[in-house]
Amino acid sequence: MKIILATSNNGKVKEIAELFKDEEVLPYGEVVKPFHIEESGEDFAANALIKARAVFEKLPKGSGSIVLSDDSGISVPLLGGEPGIYSARYAGKGASDRENLNKLVEELKRRGVKQTPAFYTAAIAIVSPEAEYVVHGWMHGMVVDKPRGDGGFGYDPIFIPEDYDKTLGELSPEIKREISHRAKALSLAMPIVKMLRSIYE
């Protein structure tokens, strides 16, 4: 059984592949020609399912593969929950990670705050011939108005997790894998993947 990831984000591919070391994990672009998927859902779970379903429909019938999709982002209550599901395009369509981060920093500075509570959400969708599944993970902490550290991707350099004094950009990949929203969601997805594998074996 292969796990096809409905993403072209190299950071996510690496993080997910490291957690599923015993499985064959491939980004969908290595299996089918990349195509645009319109993320029109109203929440993370809906968008994750939209992406997973779209890729699953492109796979050859009887391929013995399942599709795993992640939709995740950061929410800042002070900003009414922004950027939320728009985290990857907060600064506009096609914006880079740094441009999105800079916009969030600007929004904090506009309100005269150096730090404020925030949380990451990850929704993991799994689509297989048998059924569809969605699980969630969260990571709470604070966002700060000055990026720190070069690790991770996205908003990691401005997010300090609860019980830590360093940003995700400063923390080691090992610690991040233990506490991240995606790691928590993927830990819930693992039993589902094992169950599906037992069906195919």
N, C-alpha and C. Protein backbone atom coordinates (compact mmCIF):
# COMPACT_ATOMS: atom_id res chain seq x y z
N MET A 1 0.84 -1.20 0.00
CA MET A 1 0.00 0.00 0.00
C MET A 1 0.87 1.25 0.00
N LYS A 2 0.57 2.17 -0.89
CA LYS A 2 1.28 3.44 -0.94
C LYS A 2 0.42 4.54 -0.34
N ILE A 3 1.09 5.49 0.32
CA ILE A 3 0.41 6.68 0.82
C ILE A 3 0.76 7.82 -0.13
N ILE A 4 -0.24 8.32 -0.82
CA ILE A 4 -0.04 9.43 -1.75
C ILE A 4 -0.43 10.71 -1.03
N LEU A 5 0.47 11.67 -0.98
CA LEU A 5 0.21 12.93 -0.29
C LEU A 5 -0.34 13.96 -1.27
N ALA A 6 -1.47 14.53 -0.92
CA ALA A 6 -2.11 15.53 -1.79
C ALA A 6 -1.53 16.90 -1.51
N THR A 7 -0.22 17.02 -1.69
CA THR A 7 0.45 18.30 -1.49
C THR A 7 1.71 18.36 -2.34
N SER A 8 2.14 19.56 -2.65
CA SER A 8 3.43 19.77 -3.31
C SER A 8 4.35 20.58 -2.41
N ASN A 9 3.93 20.78 -1.15
CA ASN A 9 4.72 21.53 -0.18
C ASN A 9 5.83 20.62 0.35
N ASN A 10 7.08 20.93 0.00
CA ASN A 10 8.19 20.06 0.37
C ASN A 10 8.35 19.92 1.88
N GLY A 11 8.04 20.99 2.61
CA GLY A 11 8.14 20.93 4.07
C GLY A 11 7.17 19.92 4.65
N LYS A 12 5.95 19.92 4.15
CA LYS A 12 4.95 18.98 4.63
C LYS A 12 5.30 17.55 4.21
N VAL A 13 5.77 17.39 2.98
CA VAL A 13 6.13 16.05 2.50
C VAL A 13 7.22 15.45 3.39
N LYS A 14 8.23 16.23 3.70
CA LYS A 14 9.33 15.75 4.54
C LYS A 14 8.84 15.39 5.93
N GLU A 15 8.03 16.26 6.52
CA GLU A 15 7.55 16.05 7.88
C GLU A 15 6.67 14.79 7.96
N ILE A 16 5.78 14.60 7.00
CA ILE A 16 4.89 13.45 7.01
C ILE A 16 5.65 12.16 6.73
N ALA A 17 6.58 12.21 5.77
CA ALA A 17 7.36 11.01 5.44
C ALA A 17 8.19 10.55 6.63
N GLU A 18 8.71 11.48 7.42
CA GLU A 18 9.51 11.12 8.59
C GLU A 18 8.66 10.42 9.64
N LEU A 19 7.39 10.80 9.74
CA LEU A 19 6.51 10.19 10.73
C LEU A 19 5.99 8.83 10.28
N PHE A 20 5.91 8.62 8.96
CA PHE A 20 5.46 7.34 8.43
C PHE A 20 6.64 6.60 7.80
N LYS A 21 7.67 6.39 8.59
CA LYS A 21 8.91 5.79 8.07
C LYS A 21 8.73 4.38 7.54
N ASP A 22 7.74 3.65 8.06
CA ASP A 22 7.53 2.27 7.64
C ASP A 22 6.63 2.14 6.42
N GLU A 23 6.19 3.26 5.88
CA GLU A 23 5.29 3.24 4.72
C GLU A 23 5.98 3.87 3.51
N GLU A 24 5.49 3.51 2.33
CA GLU A 24 5.97 4.16 1.11
C GLU A 24 5.13 5.42 0.91
N VAL A 25 5.77 6.58 1.06
CA VAL A 25 5.08 7.86 1.02
C VAL A 25 5.56 8.64 -0.21
N LEU A 26 4.61 9.07 -1.04
CA LEU A 26 4.95 9.80 -2.27
C LEU A 26 4.10 11.05 -2.40
N PRO A 27 4.70 12.18 -2.82
CA PRO A 27 3.87 13.34 -3.16
C PRO A 27 3.09 13.01 -4.43
N TYR A 28 1.90 13.54 -4.54
CA TYR A 28 1.03 13.14 -5.66
C TYR A 28 1.63 13.48 -7.02
N GLY A 29 2.52 14.49 -7.07
CA GLY A 29 3.14 14.87 -8.34
C GLY A 29 4.04 13.81 -8.93
N GLU A 30 4.40 12.81 -8.13
CA GLU A 30 5.21 11.70 -8.64
C GLU A 30 4.33 10.57 -9.19
N VAL A 31 3.03 10.70 -9.02
CA VAL A 31 2.11 9.65 -9.45
C VAL A 31 1.21 10.14 -10.59
N VAL A 32 0.74 11.35 -10.49
CA VAL A 32 -0.08 11.94 -11.55
C VAL A 32 0.45 13.34 -11.85
N LYS A 33 0.06 13.86 -12.99
CA LYS A 33 0.48 15.21 -13.36
C LYS A 33 -0.14 16.22 -12.40
N PRO A 34 0.68 17.11 -11.83
CA PRO A 34 0.13 18.10 -10.89
C PRO A 34 -1.00 18.92 -11.51
N PHE A 35 -1.99 19.23 -10.73
CA PHE A 35 -3.13 20.01 -11.21
C PHE A 35 -3.62 20.92 -10.10
N HIS A 36 -4.37 21.93 -10.48
CA HIS A 36 -4.87 22.90 -9.50
C HIS A 36 -6.08 22.34 -8.78
N ILE A 37 -6.09 22.51 -7.45
CA ILE A 37 -7.23 22.10 -6.64
C ILE A 37 -7.77 23.34 -5.94
N GLU A 38 -9.01 23.65 -6.18
CA GLU A 38 -9.64 24.82 -5.57
C GLU A 38 -10.08 24.47 -4.15
N GLU A 39 -9.45 25.13 -3.17
CA GLU A 39 -9.78 24.88 -1.77
C GLU A 39 -10.94 25.79 -1.36
N SER A 40 -12.15 25.29 -1.56
CA SER A 40 -13.35 26.12 -1.37
C SER A 40 -14.09 25.79 -0.08
N GLY A 41 -13.49 24.98 0.79
CA GLY A 41 -14.14 24.60 2.03
C GLY A 41 -14.19 25.74 3.03
N GLU A 42 -15.07 25.59 4.02
CA GLU A 42 -15.23 26.63 5.04
C GLU A 42 -14.38 26.38 6.28
N ASP A 43 -13.72 25.23 6.33
CA ASP A 43 -12.84 24.95 7.46
C ASP A 43 -11.72 24.03 7.01
N PHE A 44 -10.80 23.73 7.93
CA PHE A 44 -9.63 22.93 7.58
C PHE A 44 -10.03 21.52 7.14
N ALA A 45 -11.01 20.91 7.84
CA ALA A 45 -11.42 19.55 7.50
C ALA A 45 -11.99 19.48 6.09
N ALA A 46 -12.82 20.44 5.74
CA ALA A 46 -13.43 20.45 4.40
C ALA A 46 -12.37 20.58 3.32
N ASN A 47 -11.41 21.46 3.53
CA ASN A 47 -10.35 21.64 2.53
C ASN A 47 -9.46 20.41 2.42
N ALA A 48 -9.17 19.77 3.55
CA ALA A 48 -8.35 18.56 3.50
C ALA A 48 -9.06 17.47 2.70
N LEU A 49 -10.35 17.32 2.89
CA LEU A 49 -11.12 16.32 2.15
C LEU A 49 -11.20 16.66 0.66
N ILE A 50 -11.37 17.94 0.35
CA ILE A 50 -11.43 18.36 -1.06
C ILE A 50 -10.15 17.94 -1.78
N LYS A 51 -9.00 18.20 -1.15
CA LYS A 51 -7.71 17.87 -1.78
C LYS A 51 -7.52 16.37 -1.91
N ALA A 52 -7.83 15.63 -0.83
CA ALA A 52 -7.63 14.18 -0.86
C ALA A 52 -8.54 13.52 -1.90
N ARG A 53 -9.80 13.95 -1.96
CA ARG A 53 -10.73 13.37 -2.93
C ARG A 53 -10.28 13.65 -4.36
N ALA A 54 -9.82 14.89 -4.61
CA ALA A 54 -9.41 15.27 -5.97
C ALA A 54 -8.25 14.41 -6.45
N VAL A 55 -7.27 14.17 -5.58
CA VAL A 55 -6.13 13.34 -5.97
C VAL A 55 -6.54 11.88 -6.10
N PHE A 56 -7.36 11.39 -5.18
CA PHE A 56 -7.79 9.99 -5.23
C PHE A 56 -8.50 9.68 -6.55
N GLU A 57 -9.30 10.62 -7.02
CA GLU A 57 -10.04 10.41 -8.26
C GLU A 57 -9.13 10.30 -9.48
N LYS A 58 -7.91 10.85 -9.37
CA LYS A 58 -6.95 10.81 -10.48
C LYS A 58 -6.12 9.53 -10.49
N LEU A 59 -6.12 8.79 -9.38
CA LEU A 59 -5.28 7.59 -9.30
C LEU A 59 -5.85 6.47 -10.17
N PRO A 60 -4.98 5.63 -10.71
CA PRO A 60 -5.47 4.47 -11.46
C PRO A 60 -6.33 3.57 -10.57
N LYS A 61 -7.39 3.03 -11.11
CA LYS A 61 -8.27 2.17 -10.34
C LYS A 61 -7.51 0.91 -9.90
N GLY A 62 -7.74 0.52 -8.68
CA GLY A 62 -7.08 -0.68 -8.17
C GLY A 62 -5.60 -0.51 -7.90
N SER A 63 -5.17 0.72 -7.68
CA SER A 63 -3.74 0.99 -7.46
C SER A 63 -3.26 0.55 -6.08
N GLY A 64 -4.20 0.28 -5.18
CA GLY A 64 -3.82 -0.12 -3.84
C GLY A 64 -3.24 1.02 -3.03
N SER A 65 -3.59 2.24 -3.41
CA SER A 65 -3.05 3.42 -2.72
C SER A 65 -4.15 4.13 -1.95
N ILE A 66 -3.75 4.83 -0.91
CA ILE A 66 -4.65 5.72 -0.21
C ILE A 66 -4.09 7.13 -0.35
N VAL A 67 -4.93 8.12 -0.20
CA VAL A 67 -4.49 9.51 -0.30
C VAL A 67 -4.61 10.17 1.06
N LEU A 68 -3.55 10.82 1.47
CA LEU A 68 -3.54 11.56 2.73
C LEU A 68 -3.32 13.03 2.43
N SER A 69 -4.17 13.86 3.00
CA SER A 69 -4.07 15.29 2.75
C SER A 69 -4.09 16.05 4.07
N ASP A 70 -3.31 17.10 4.12
CA ASP A 70 -3.27 17.96 5.31
C ASP A 70 -3.76 19.34 4.92
N ASP A 71 -4.60 19.91 5.76
CA ASP A 71 -4.88 21.34 5.62
C ASP A 71 -4.66 21.94 7.00
N SER A 72 -3.82 22.93 7.04
CA SER A 72 -3.43 23.46 8.34
C SER A 72 -3.17 24.96 8.25
N GLY A 73 -3.13 25.57 9.40
CA GLY A 73 -2.86 27.00 9.42
C GLY A 73 -2.84 27.52 10.84
N ILE A 74 -2.56 28.79 10.94
CA ILE A 74 -2.45 29.44 12.23
C ILE A 74 -3.61 30.42 12.40
N SER A 75 -4.13 30.48 13.61
CA SER A 75 -5.24 31.39 13.91
C SER A 75 -4.87 32.28 15.08
N VAL A 76 -5.16 33.57 14.95
CA VAL A 76 -4.85 34.54 16.00
C VAL A 76 -6.17 35.18 16.46
N PRO A 77 -6.63 34.83 17.67
CA PRO A 77 -7.91 35.37 18.15
C PRO A 77 -7.98 36.89 18.09
N LEU A 78 -6.87 37.58 18.39
CA LEU A 78 -6.85 39.04 18.34
C LEU A 78 -7.25 39.56 16.97
N LEU A 79 -6.96 38.77 15.93
CA LEU A 79 -7.26 39.18 14.55
C LEU A 79 -8.55 38.53 14.05
N GLY A 80 -9.40 38.12 14.98
CA GLY A 80 -10.65 37.50 14.59
C GLY A 80 -10.48 36.11 14.00
N GLY A 81 -9.36 35.46 14.35
CA GLY A 81 -9.10 34.11 13.84
C GLY A 81 -8.25 34.08 12.59
N GLU A 82 -7.89 35.25 12.06
CA GLU A 82 -7.02 35.28 10.88
C GLU A 82 -5.62 34.78 11.25
N PRO A 83 -4.88 34.28 10.26
CA PRO A 83 -5.29 34.02 8.87
C PRO A 83 -6.11 32.74 8.68
N GLY A 84 -6.10 31.82 9.66
CA GLY A 84 -6.95 30.64 9.58
C GLY A 84 -6.75 29.83 8.31
N ILE A 85 -7.86 29.49 7.63
CA ILE A 85 -7.76 28.65 6.43
C ILE A 85 -7.06 29.37 5.28
N TYR A 86 -6.82 30.66 5.44
CA TYR A 86 -6.12 31.42 4.40
C TYR A 86 -4.63 31.59 4.72
N SER A 87 -4.10 30.80 5.64
CA SER A 87 -2.72 30.96 6.09
C SER A 87 -1.71 30.91 4.94
N ALA A 88 -1.95 30.03 3.97
CA ALA A 88 -0.99 29.86 2.87
C ALA A 88 -1.08 30.97 1.83
N ARG A 89 -2.14 31.78 1.92
CA ARG A 89 -2.31 32.86 0.94
C ARG A 89 -2.75 34.15 1.63
N TYR A 90 -2.29 34.33 2.86
CA TYR A 90 -2.68 35.48 3.67
C TYR A 90 -2.30 36.80 3.00
N ALA A 91 -1.14 36.83 2.38
CA ALA A 91 -0.66 38.05 1.72
C ALA A 91 -1.06 38.12 0.25
N GLY A 92 -1.94 37.20 -0.16
CA GLY A 92 -2.40 37.19 -1.54
C GLY A 92 -2.07 35.87 -2.23
N LYS A 93 -2.76 35.60 -3.31
CA LYS A 93 -2.55 34.37 -4.06
C LYS A 93 -1.11 34.29 -4.54
N GLY A 94 -0.47 33.16 -4.31
CA GLY A 94 0.91 32.97 -4.74
C GLY A 94 1.94 33.58 -3.81
N ALA A 95 1.51 34.09 -2.66
CA ALA A 95 2.44 34.72 -1.72
C ALA A 95 3.42 33.69 -1.16
N SER A 96 4.63 34.13 -0.86
CA SER A 96 5.63 33.26 -0.27
C SER A 96 5.41 33.14 1.23
N ASP A 97 6.06 32.15 1.84
CA ASP A 97 5.98 32.00 3.30
C ASP A 97 6.37 33.29 4.00
N ARG A 98 7.44 33.90 3.54
CA ARG A 98 7.94 35.11 4.19
C ARG A 98 6.96 36.27 4.03
N GLU A 99 6.33 36.38 2.87
CA GLU A 99 5.35 37.45 2.66
C GLU A 99 4.14 37.27 3.58
N ASN A 100 3.70 36.03 3.74
CA ASN A 100 2.58 35.76 4.65
C ASN A 100 2.96 36.09 6.09
N LEU A 101 4.15 35.66 6.49
CA LEU A 101 4.64 35.94 7.84
C LEU A 101 4.72 37.43 8.07
N ASN A 102 5.29 38.15 7.10
CA ASN A 102 5.44 39.60 7.24
C ASN A 102 4.09 40.30 7.40
N LYS A 103 3.07 39.82 6.69
CA LYS A 103 1.76 40.44 6.81
C LYS A 103 1.21 40.25 8.22
N LEU A 104 1.41 39.06 8.78
CA LEU A 104 0.93 38.80 10.14
C LEU A 104 1.66 39.69 11.14
N VAL A 105 2.96 39.83 10.95
CA VAL A 105 3.74 40.72 11.83
C VAL A 105 3.23 42.15 11.73
N GLU A 106 2.94 42.59 10.51
CA GLU A 106 2.43 43.95 10.31
C GLU A 106 1.09 44.15 11.02
N GLU A 107 0.24 43.12 10.98
CA GLU A 107 -1.07 43.21 11.65
C GLU A 107 -0.90 43.32 13.16
N LEU A 108 0.08 42.62 13.72
CA LEU A 108 0.35 42.73 15.15
C LEU A 108 0.85 44.12 15.50
N LYS A 109 1.76 44.65 14.69
CA LYS A 109 2.32 45.97 14.95
C LYS A 109 1.26 47.05 14.82
N ARG A 110 0.33 46.88 13.89
CA ARG A 110 -0.75 47.84 13.72
C ARG A 110 -1.59 47.96 14.98
N ARG A 111 -1.67 46.87 15.70
CA ARG A 111 -2.45 46.85 16.93
C ARG A 111 -1.60 47.11 18.17
N GLY A 112 -0.33 47.37 17.95
CA GLY A 112 0.57 47.75 19.04
C GLY A 112 0.88 46.63 20.02
N VAL A 113 0.85 45.36 19.54
CA VAL A 113 1.16 44.24 20.43
C VAL A 113 2.45 43.54 19.99
N LYS A 114 3.24 43.15 20.96
CA LYS A 114 4.49 42.44 20.67
C LYS A 114 4.28 40.93 20.65
N GLN A 115 3.26 40.46 21.39
CA GLN A 115 2.90 39.05 21.34
C GLN A 115 1.45 38.88 21.75
N THR A 116 0.85 37.80 21.26
CA THR A 116 -0.56 37.55 21.56
C THR A 116 -0.84 36.06 21.35
N PRO A 117 -1.83 35.51 22.06
CA PRO A 117 -2.14 34.09 21.90
C PRO A 117 -2.48 33.72 20.46
N ALA A 118 -2.11 32.50 20.09
CA ALA A 118 -2.40 31.98 18.76
C ALA A 118 -2.40 30.45 18.84
N PHE A 119 -2.91 29.82 17.82
CA PHE A 119 -2.86 28.36 17.78
C PHE A 119 -2.85 27.86 16.35
N TYR A 120 -2.17 26.74 16.18
CA TYR A 120 -2.15 26.04 14.90
C TYR A 120 -3.21 24.94 14.90
N THR A 121 -3.85 24.73 13.76
CA THR A 121 -4.77 23.62 13.56
C THR A 121 -4.29 22.80 12.38
N ALA A 122 -4.36 21.48 12.51
CA ALA A 122 -4.08 20.60 11.37
C ALA A 122 -5.23 19.62 11.24
N ALA A 123 -5.77 19.53 10.04
CA ALA A 123 -6.77 18.51 9.72
C ALA A 123 -6.14 17.55 8.74
N ILE A 124 -6.16 16.27 9.05
CA ILE A 124 -5.63 15.25 8.17
C ILE A 124 -6.81 14.44 7.62
N ALA A 125 -6.92 14.41 6.31
CA ALA A 125 -7.96 13.61 5.65
C ALA A 125 -7.31 12.40 5.00
N ILE A 126 -7.98 11.27 5.10
CA ILE A 126 -7.53 10.04 4.44
C ILE A 126 -8.68 9.54 3.59
N VAL A 127 -8.40 9.36 2.30
CA VAL A 127 -9.41 8.83 1.39
C VAL A 127 -8.90 7.50 0.83
N SER A 128 -9.72 6.47 0.98
CA SER A 128 -9.38 5.14 0.49
C SER A 128 -10.58 4.58 -0.26
N PRO A 129 -10.43 3.44 -0.93
CA PRO A 129 -11.59 2.86 -1.61
C PRO A 129 -12.70 2.48 -0.63
N GLU A 130 -12.32 2.23 0.64
CA GLU A 130 -13.30 1.77 1.62
C GLU A 130 -14.07 2.90 2.29
N ALA A 131 -13.37 3.98 2.63
CA ALA A 131 -14.02 5.04 3.42
C ALA A 131 -13.16 6.29 3.43
N GLU A 132 -13.72 7.34 4.04
CA GLU A 132 -13.00 8.61 4.25
C GLU A 132 -12.92 8.89 5.75
N TYR A 133 -11.81 9.51 6.14
CA TYR A 133 -11.58 9.81 7.55
C TYR A 133 -10.98 11.20 7.68
N VAL A 134 -11.27 11.87 8.82
CA VAL A 134 -10.63 13.15 9.13
C VAL A 134 -10.28 13.17 10.61
N VAL A 135 -9.06 13.56 10.93
CA VAL A 135 -8.65 13.74 12.32
C VAL A 135 -8.00 15.12 12.46
N HIS A 136 -7.95 15.61 13.70
CA HIS A 136 -7.42 16.95 13.95
C HIS A 136 -6.32 16.94 15.01
N GLY A 137 -5.45 17.93 14.93
CA GLY A 137 -4.47 18.18 15.98
C GLY A 137 -4.30 19.68 16.16
N TRP A 138 -3.97 20.10 17.38
CA TRP A 138 -3.80 21.52 17.66
C TRP A 138 -2.50 21.76 18.43
N MET A 139 -1.96 22.95 18.29
CA MET A 139 -0.81 23.38 19.08
C MET A 139 -1.05 24.84 19.47
N HIS A 140 -1.07 25.10 20.77
CA HIS A 140 -1.34 26.44 21.28
C HIS A 140 -0.05 27.14 21.71
N GLY A 141 -0.08 28.46 21.68
CA GLY A 141 1.08 29.23 22.08
C GLY A 141 0.87 30.71 21.84
N MET A 142 1.94 31.38 21.44
CA MET A 142 1.91 32.83 21.20
C MET A 142 2.59 33.15 19.87
N VAL A 143 2.12 34.21 19.20
CA VAL A 143 2.88 34.76 18.08
C VAL A 143 3.55 36.04 18.56
N VAL A 144 4.76 36.29 18.03
CA VAL A 144 5.54 37.47 18.40
C VAL A 144 5.79 38.32 17.17
N ASP A 145 6.16 39.58 17.41
CA ASP A 145 6.28 40.51 16.28
C ASP A 145 7.67 40.55 15.65
N LYS A 146 8.58 39.66 16.11
CA LYS A 146 9.93 39.61 15.52
C LYS A 146 10.30 38.16 15.23
N PRO A 147 10.51 37.81 13.94
CA PRO A 147 10.90 36.44 13.59
C PRO A 147 12.21 36.04 14.26
N ARG A 148 12.27 34.78 14.70
CA ARG A 148 13.47 34.23 15.32
C ARG A 148 13.68 32.80 14.85
N GLY A 149 14.88 32.53 14.33
CA GLY A 149 15.23 31.18 13.91
C GLY A 149 14.97 30.94 12.44
N ASP A 150 15.75 30.01 11.88
CA ASP A 150 15.65 29.71 10.45
C ASP A 150 15.04 28.33 10.18
N GLY A 151 14.66 27.61 11.24
CA GLY A 151 14.11 26.28 11.05
C GLY A 151 12.65 26.31 10.68
N GLY A 152 12.15 25.14 10.25
CA GLY A 152 10.73 25.03 9.92
C GLY A 152 10.36 25.79 8.67
N PHE A 153 9.08 26.11 8.56
CA PHE A 153 8.58 26.85 7.40
C PHE A 153 7.31 27.58 7.82
N GLY A 154 6.75 28.36 6.90
CA GLY A 154 5.52 29.08 7.21
C GLY A 154 5.73 30.11 8.32
N TYR A 155 4.87 30.06 9.32
CA TYR A 155 4.90 31.03 10.42
C TYR A 155 5.76 30.58 11.59
N ASP A 156 6.50 29.50 11.42
CA ASP A 156 7.30 28.93 12.52
C ASP A 156 8.21 29.94 13.23
N PRO A 157 8.87 30.86 12.50
CA PRO A 157 9.79 31.79 13.19
C PRO A 157 9.12 32.80 14.12
N ILE A 158 7.79 32.90 14.10
CA ILE A 158 7.13 33.85 15.01
C ILE A 158 6.18 33.17 15.99
N PHE A 159 6.20 31.83 16.04
CA PHE A 159 5.29 31.11 16.94
C PHE A 159 6.07 30.43 18.06
N ILE A 160 5.70 30.76 19.31
CA ILE A 160 6.30 30.14 20.49
C ILE A 160 5.27 29.20 21.10
N PRO A 161 5.53 27.89 21.10
CA PRO A 161 4.57 26.94 21.68
C PRO A 161 4.47 27.09 23.20
N GLU A 162 3.34 26.69 23.74
CA GLU A 162 3.16 26.67 25.20
C GLU A 162 4.29 25.88 25.86
N ASP A 163 4.75 26.38 27.01
CA ASP A 163 5.79 25.73 27.82
C ASP A 163 7.18 25.84 27.20
N TYR A 164 7.34 26.67 26.18
CA TYR A 164 8.66 26.89 25.57
C TYR A 164 8.94 28.39 25.52
N ASP A 165 10.23 28.73 25.41
CA ASP A 165 10.60 30.14 25.27
C ASP A 165 11.27 30.41 23.93
N LYS A 166 11.28 29.41 23.06
CA LYS A 166 11.84 29.56 21.72
C LYS A 166 10.74 29.40 20.68
N THR A 167 10.95 30.02 19.52
CA THR A 167 10.00 29.84 18.43
C THR A 167 10.22 28.48 17.78
N LEU A 168 9.24 28.06 16.97
CA LEU A 168 9.39 26.83 16.21
C LEU A 168 10.57 26.92 15.26
N GLY A 169 10.91 28.14 14.86
CA GLY A 169 12.06 28.33 13.99
C GLY A 169 13.39 28.10 14.70
N GLU A 170 13.36 28.14 16.04
CA GLU A 170 14.56 27.93 16.84
C GLU A 170 14.64 26.52 17.43
N LEU A 171 13.50 25.88 17.58
CA LEU A 171 13.48 24.55 18.19
C LEU A 171 13.96 23.48 17.21
N SER A 172 14.47 22.39 17.74
CA SER A 172 14.98 21.31 16.89
C SER A 172 13.83 20.59 16.19
N PRO A 173 14.11 19.98 15.04
CA PRO A 173 13.06 19.21 14.35
C PRO A 173 12.49 18.10 15.23
N GLU A 174 13.33 17.53 16.10
CA GLU A 174 12.86 16.44 16.97
C GLU A 174 11.78 16.93 17.93
N ILE A 175 12.02 18.09 18.55
CA ILE A 175 11.02 18.65 19.46
C ILE A 175 9.76 19.03 18.70
N LYS A 176 9.94 19.64 17.57
CA LYS A 176 8.77 20.06 16.78
C LYS A 176 7.91 18.86 16.40
N ARG A 177 8.54 17.74 16.04
CA ARG A 177 7.78 16.55 15.67
C ARG A 177 6.95 16.03 16.85
N GLU A 178 7.46 16.25 18.06
CA GLU A 178 6.76 15.77 19.25
C GLU A 178 5.53 16.62 19.59
N ILE A 179 5.62 17.93 19.35
CA ILE A 179 4.59 18.83 19.85
C ILE A 179 3.70 19.45 18.78
N SER A 180 4.05 19.28 17.51
CA SER A 180 3.34 20.02 16.47
C SER A 180 1.90 19.54 16.28
N HIS A 181 1.09 20.45 15.80
CA HIS A 181 -0.31 20.15 15.47
C HIS A 181 -0.40 19.03 14.45
N ARG A 182 0.49 19.06 13.46
CA ARG A 182 0.46 18.04 12.42
C ARG A 182 0.87 16.69 12.98
N ALA A 183 1.88 16.68 13.86
CA ALA A 183 2.30 15.42 14.49
C ALA A 183 1.17 14.83 15.32
N LYS A 184 0.43 15.68 16.03
CA LYS A 184 -0.70 15.19 16.84
C LYS A 184 -1.79 14.60 15.95
N ALA A 185 -2.09 15.28 14.85
CA ALA A 185 -3.11 14.77 13.94
C ALA A 185 -2.64 13.48 13.27
N LEU A 186 -1.36 13.44 12.88
CA LEU A 186 -0.84 12.25 12.22
C LEU A 186 -0.79 11.06 13.16
N SER A 187 -0.57 11.31 14.45
CA SER A 187 -0.57 10.20 15.41
C SER A 187 -1.95 9.56 15.48
N LEU A 188 -2.99 10.37 15.27
CA LEU A 188 -4.35 9.84 15.23
C LEU A 188 -4.64 9.15 13.89
N ALA A 189 -3.93 9.59 12.85
CA ALA A 189 -4.12 8.98 11.52
C ALA A 189 -3.42 7.63 11.41
N MET A 190 -2.36 7.43 12.20
CA MET A 190 -1.57 6.20 12.08
C MET A 190 -2.40 4.92 12.26
N PRO A 191 -3.25 4.84 13.32
CA PRO A 191 -4.06 3.62 13.45
C PRO A 191 -4.98 3.38 12.25
N ILE A 192 -5.45 4.47 11.64
CA ILE A 192 -6.31 4.33 10.45
C ILE A 192 -5.51 3.75 9.30
N VAL A 193 -4.28 4.27 9.12
CA VAL A 193 -3.41 3.77 8.04
C VAL A 193 -3.09 2.29 8.27
N LYS A 194 -2.79 1.91 9.51
CA LYS A 194 -2.48 0.51 9.81
C LYS A 194 -3.68 -0.39 9.54
N MET A 195 -4.86 0.09 9.88
CA MET A 195 -6.06 -0.68 9.63
C MET A 195 -6.27 -0.88 8.13
N LEU A 196 -6.07 0.18 7.35
CA LEU A 196 -6.24 0.09 5.91
C LEU A 196 -5.19 -0.84 5.30
N ARG A 197 -3.95 -0.77 5.82
CA ARG A 197 -2.90 -1.65 5.32
C ARG A 197 -3.27 -3.11 5.53
N SER A 198 -3.89 -3.41 6.68
CA SER A 198 -4.27 -4.79 6.96
C SER A 198 -5.31 -5.29 5.97
N ILE A 199 -6.11 -4.39 5.43
CA ILE A 199 -7.11 -4.77 4.44
C ILE A 199 -6.44 -5.17 3.12
N TYR A 200 -5.38 -4.42 2.75
CA TYR A 200 -4.72 -4.65 1.48
C TYR A 200 -3.76 -5.84 1.51
N GLU A 201 -3.26 -6.18 2.70
CA GLU A 201 -2.27 -7.26 2.80
C GLU A 201 -2.91 -8.63 2.61
